[in-house]
PDB file of N, CA and C in Angstrom:
ATOM      1  N   MET A   1      75.106 165.013  89.800  1.00  0.00           N
ATOM      2  CA  MET A   1      74.563 166.298  89.534  1.00  0.00           C
ATOM      3  C   MET A   1      73.420 166.130  88.596  1.00  0.00           C
ATOM      4  N   PRO A   2      72.162 166.483  89.097  1.00  0.00           N
ATOM      5  CA  PRO A   2      70.954 166.344  87.969  1.00  0.00           C
ATOM      6  C   PRO A   2      71.226 166.670  86.227  1.00  0.00           C
ATOM      7  N   GLN A   3      70.438 165.918  85.744  1.00  0.00           N
ATOM      8  CA  GLN A   3      70.724 165.770  84.190  1.00  0.00           C
ATOM      9  C   GLN A   3      70.184 167.053  83.599  1.00  0.00           C
ATOM     10  N   ALA A   4      69.217 167.658  83.869  1.00  0.00           N
ATOM     11  CA  ALA A   4      68.921 169.014  83.365  1.00  0.00           C
ATOM     12  C   ALA A   4      69.857 170.087  83.434  1.00  0.00           C
ATOM     13  N   PRO A   5      70.360 170.381  84.497  1.00  0.00           N
ATOM     14  CA  PRO A   5      71.283 171.578  84.740  1.00  0.00           C
ATOM     15  C   PRO A   5      72.648 171.092  84.011  1.00  0.00           C
ATOM     16  N   THR A   6      73.178 169.841  83.935  1.00  0.00           N
ATOM     17  CA  THR A   6      74.278 168.970  83.261  1.00  0.00           C
ATOM     18  C   THR A   6      73.806 168.938  81.843  1.00  0.00           C
ATOM     19  N   ALA A   7      72.880 168.759  81.242  1.00  0.00           N
ATOM     20  CA  ALA A   7      72.515 168.873  79.786  1.00  0.00           C
ATOM     21  C   ALA A   7      72.319 170.247  79.332  1.00  0.00           C
ATOM     22  N   LYS A   8      72.176 171.433  80.022  1.00  0.00           N
ATOM     23  CA  LYS A   8      72.071 172.853  79.827  1.00  0.00           C
ATOM     24  C   LYS A   8      73.435 172.852  79.655  1.00  0.00           C
ATOM     25  N   ALA A   9      74.515 172.530  80.682  1.00  0.00           N
ATOM     26  CA  ALA A   9      75.748 173.287  80.797  1.00  0.00           C
ATOM     27  C   ALA A   9      76.578 172.519  79.541  1.00  0.00           C
ATOM     28  N   ASN A  10      75.974 171.295  78.687  1.00  0.00           N
ATOM     29  CA  ASN A  10      76.750 170.965  77.857  1.00  0.00           C
ATOM     30  C   ASN A  10      76.317 171.238  76.310  1.00  0.00           C
ATOM     31  N   GLY A  11      75.334 172.108  76.375  1.00  0.00           N
ATOM     32  CA  GLY A  11      74.824 172.893  75.239  1.00  0.00           C
ATOM     33  C   GLY A  11      73.399 172.292  74.681  1.00  0.00           C
ATOM     34  N   HIS A  12      72.706 171.527  75.425  1.00  0.00           N
ATOM     35  CA  HIS A  12      71.428 170.995  75.236  1.00  0.00           C
ATOM     36  C   HIS A  12      70.407 171.664  75.417  1.00  0.00           C
ATOM     37  N   GLU A  13      69.172 171.580  75.067  1.00  0.00           N
ATOM     38  CA  GLU A  13      67.778 172.395  75.365  1.00  0.00           C
ATOM     39  C   GLU A  13      67.397 170.952  76.409  1.00  0.00           C
ATOM     40  N   PRO A  14      67.233 171.449  77.592  1.00  0.00           N
ATOM     41  CA  PRO A  14      67.160 170.206  78.525  1.00  0.00           C
ATOM     42  C   PRO A  14      65.633 169.501  78.223  1.00  0.00           C
ATOM     43  N   HIS A  15      64.635 169.867  78.070  1.00  0.00           N
ATOM     44  CA  HIS A  15      63.484 169.094  77.556  1.00  0.00           C
ATOM     45  C   HIS A  15      63.746 167.881  76.522  1.00  0.00           C
ATOM     46  N   SER A  16      64.454 168.727  75.165  1.00  0.00           N
ATOM     47  CA  SER A  16      64.910 167.904  74.117  1.00  0.00           C
ATOM     48  C   SER A  16      65.930 166.691  74.491  1.00  0.00           C
ATOM     49  N   TYR A  17      66.810 166.899  75.340  1.00  0.00           N
ATOM     50  CA  TYR A  17      67.714 166.128  76.072  1.00  0.00           C
ATOM     51  C   TYR A  17      66.955 164.953  76.983  1.00  0.00           C
ATOM     52  N   ILE A  18      66.077 165.398  77.649  1.00  0.00           N
ATOM     53  CA  ILE A  18      65.403 164.419  78.495  1.00  0.00           C
ATOM     54  C   ILE A  18      64.635 163.343  77.390  1.00  0.00           C
ATOM     55  N   HIS A  19      63.893 164.222  76.498  1.00  0.00           N
ATOM     56  CA  HIS A  19      63.162 163.261  75.667  1.00  0.00           C
ATOM     57  C   HIS A  19      63.949 162.374  74.952  1.00  0.00           C
ATOM     58  N   HIS A  20      65.228 162.731  74.574  1.00  0.00           N
ATOM     59  CA  HIS A  20      66.091 161.698  73.781  1.00  0.00           C
ATOM     60  C   HIS A  20      66.561 160.698  74.701  1.00  0.00           C
ATOM     61  N   VAL A  21      66.941 160.990  76.120  1.00  0.00           N
ATOM     62  CA  VAL A  21      67.452 160.003  76.661  1.00  0.00           C
ATOM     63  C   VAL A  21      65.996 158.995  77.318  1.00  0.00           C
ATOM     64  N   LEU A  22      65.258 159.798  77.508  1.00  0.00           N
ATOM     65  CA  LEU A  22      63.797 158.496  77.583  1.00  0.00           C
ATOM     66  C   LEU A  22      63.272 157.718  76.526  1.00  0.00           C
ATOM     67  N   THR A  23      63.609 158.359  75.202  1.00  0.00           N
ATOM     68  CA  THR A  23      63.355 157.399  73.978  1.00  0.00           C
ATOM     69  C   THR A  23      64.168 156.442  73.751  1.00  0.00           C
ATOM     70  N   HIS A  24      65.728 156.478  74.480  1.00  0.00           N
ATOM     71  CA  HIS A  24      66.798 155.688  73.519  1.00  0.00           C
ATOM     72  C   HIS A  24      67.203 154.770  74.822  1.00  0.00           C
ATOM     73  N   LEU A  25      66.873 155.142  76.181  1.00  0.00           N
ATOM     74  CA  LEU A  25      67.332 154.361  77.236  1.00  0.00           C
ATOM     75  C   LEU A  25      66.788 152.960  77.357  1.00  0.00           C
ATOM     76  N   PRO A  26      65.426 152.847  76.795  1.00  0.00           N
ATOM     77  CA  PRO A  26      65.295 151.176  77.238  1.00  0.00           C
ATOM     78  C   PRO A  26      65.421 150.013  76.020  1.00  0.00           C
ATOM     79  N   ALA A  27      66.190 150.851  75.172  1.00  0.00           N
ATOM     80  CA  ALA A  27      67.140 150.267  74.183  1.00  0.00           C
ATOM     81  C   ALA A  27      68.663 149.913  74.857  1.00  0.00           C
ATOM     82  N   ALA A  28      68.822 150.671  75.447  1.00  0.00           N
ATOM     83  CA  ALA A  28      70.103 150.513  76.044  1.00  0.00           C
ATOM     84  C   ALA A  28      70.341 149.321  77.014  1.00  0.00           C
ATOM     85  N   HIS A  29      71.342 148.314  76.616  1.00  0.00           N
ATOM     86  CA  HIS A  29      71.211 147.090  77.651  1.00  0.00           C
ATOM     87  C   HIS A  29      72.788 146.791  77.959  1.00  0.00           C
ATOM     88  N   SER A  30      73.716 147.781  77.971  1.00  0.00           N
ATOM     89  CA  SER A  30      74.902 147.626  78.845  1.00  0.00           C
ATOM     90  C   SER A  30      75.449 149.116  79.292  1.00  0.00           C
ATOM     91  N   LEU A  31      76.197 148.899  79.950  1.00  0.00           N
ATOM     92  CA  LEU A  31      76.919 150.065  80.595  1.00  0.00           C
ATOM     93  C   LEU A  31      77.228 150.910  79.730  1.00  0.00           C
ATOM     94  N   ASP A  32      77.861 150.881  78.777  1.00  0.00           N
ATOM     95  CA  ASP A  32      78.590 151.595  77.652  1.00  0.00           C
ATOM     96  C   ASP A  32      77.322 152.256  77.134  1.00  0.00           C
ATOM     97  N   GLU A  33      76.310 151.656  76.791  1.00  0.00           N
ATOM     98  CA  GLU A  33      75.241 151.976  75.963  1.00  0.00           C
ATOM     99  C   GLU A  33      74.326 153.175  77.089  1.00  0.00           C
ATOM    100  N   VAL A  34      74.379 153.023  77.851  1.00  0.00           N
ATOM    101  CA  VAL A  34      73.844 153.872  79.079  1.00  0.00           C
ATOM    102  C   VAL A  34      74.699 155.210  79.341  1.00  0.00           C
ATOM    103  N   GLU A  35      75.824 155.006  79.379  1.00  0.00           N
ATOM    104  CA  GLU A  35      77.122 156.022  79.510  1.00  0.00           C
ATOM    105  C   GLU A  35      76.753 157.074  78.197  1.00  0.00           C
ATOM    106  N   ALA A  36      76.631 156.263  76.926  1.00  0.00           N
ATOM    107  CA  ALA A  36      76.294 156.864  75.980  1.00  0.00           C
ATOM    108  C   ALA A  36      75.554 158.217  76.082  1.00  0.00           C
ATOM    109  N   LEU A  37      74.422 157.976  76.893  1.00  0.00           N
ATOM    110  CA  LEU A  37      73.255 158.868  76.895  1.00  0.00           C
ATOM    111  C   LEU A  37      73.432 159.889  77.934  1.00  0.00           C
ATOM    112  N   LEU A  38      74.901 159.905  78.512  1.00  0.00           N
ATOM    113  CA  LEU A  38      75.011 161.144  79.511  1.00  0.00           C
ATOM    114  C   LEU A  38      75.196 162.250  78.794  1.00  0.00           C
ATOM    115  N   PRO A  39      74.915 163.548  79.029  1.00  0.00           N
ATOM    116  CA  PRO A  39      74.712 164.786  78.153  1.00  0.00           C
ATOM    117  C   PRO A  39      76.225 165.239  77.750  1.00  0.00           C
ATOM    118  N   PHE A  40      77.327 164.935  78.097  1.00  0.00           N
ATOM    119  CA  PHE A  40      78.550 165.110  77.970  1.00  0.00           C
ATOM    120  C   PHE A  40      78.918 163.938  76.871  1.00  0.00           C
ATOM    121  N   ASN A  41      78.188 163.306  76.471  1.00  0.00           N
ATOM    122  CA  ASN A  41      78.550 161.978  75.472  1.00  0.00           C
ATOM    123  C   ASN A  41      77.733 162.301  74.372  1.00  0.00           C
ATOM    124  N   VAL A  42      76.718 162.997  74.176  1.00  0.00           N
ATOM    125  CA  VAL A  42      75.587 163.258  73.193  1.00  0.00           C
ATOM    126  C   VAL A  42      75.611 164.534  72.655  1.00  0.00           C
ATOM    127  N   GLN A  43      75.692 164.613  71.291  1.00  0.00           N
ATOM    128  CA  GLN A  43      75.827 165.736  70.833  1.00  0.00           C
ATOM    129  C   GLN A  43      74.696 166.251  70.875  1.00  0.00           C
ATOM    130  N   PRO A  44      74.510 167.727  71.026  1.00  0.00           N
ATOM    131  CA  PRO A  44      73.473 168.594  71.105  1.00  0.00           C
ATOM    132  C   PRO A  44      72.390 168.374  69.803  1.00  0.00           C
ATOM    133  N   GLU A  45      73.082 168.174  68.722  1.00  0.00           N
ATOM    134  CA  GLU A  45      72.207 168.121  67.398  1.00  0.00           C
ATOM    135  C   GLU A  45      71.207 166.770  67.458  1.00  0.00           C
ATOM    136  N   LYS A  46      71.868 165.687  67.945  1.00  0.00           N
ATOM    137  CA  LYS A  46      70.973 164.725  68.078  1.00  0.00           C
ATOM    138  C   LYS A  46      69.873 164.723  69.081  1.00  0.00           C
ATOM    139  N   CYS A  47      70.007 165.564  69.547  1.00  0.00           N
ATOM    140  CA  CYS A  47      68.638 165.555  70.819  1.00  0.00           C
ATOM    141  C   CYS A  47      67.502 166.737  69.815  1.00  0.00           C
ATOM    142  N   LEU A  48      68.239 167.559  68.872  1.00  0.00           N
ATOM    143  CA  LEU A  48      67.121 168.346  68.191  1.00  0.00           C
ATOM    144  C   LEU A  48      66.343 167.379  66.920  1.00  0.00           C
ATOM    145  N   ALA A  49      66.638 166.189  66.583  1.00  0.00           N
ATOM    146  CA  ALA A  49      66.159 165.321  65.917  1.00  0.00           C
ATOM    147  C   ALA A  49      65.046 164.182  66.387  1.00  0.00           C
ATOM    148  N   ALA A  50      64.942 164.361  68.003  1.00  0.00           N
ATOM    149  CA  ALA A  50      64.418 163.216  68.690  1.00  0.00           C
ATOM    150  C   ALA A  50      63.009 164.119  68.559  1.00  0.00           C
TER     151      ALA A  50
END
């Protein structure tokens, strides 16, 4: 499933969520760190601070 609709379905504003992922993805060095960035694993409040 594309990330923007999934983000919206999980309570995120899609632009803020994608910005959050693109900001944090370069520092993700393990599968667990990448999976932590999936929309159902990120609290919407964390994206608002990005």
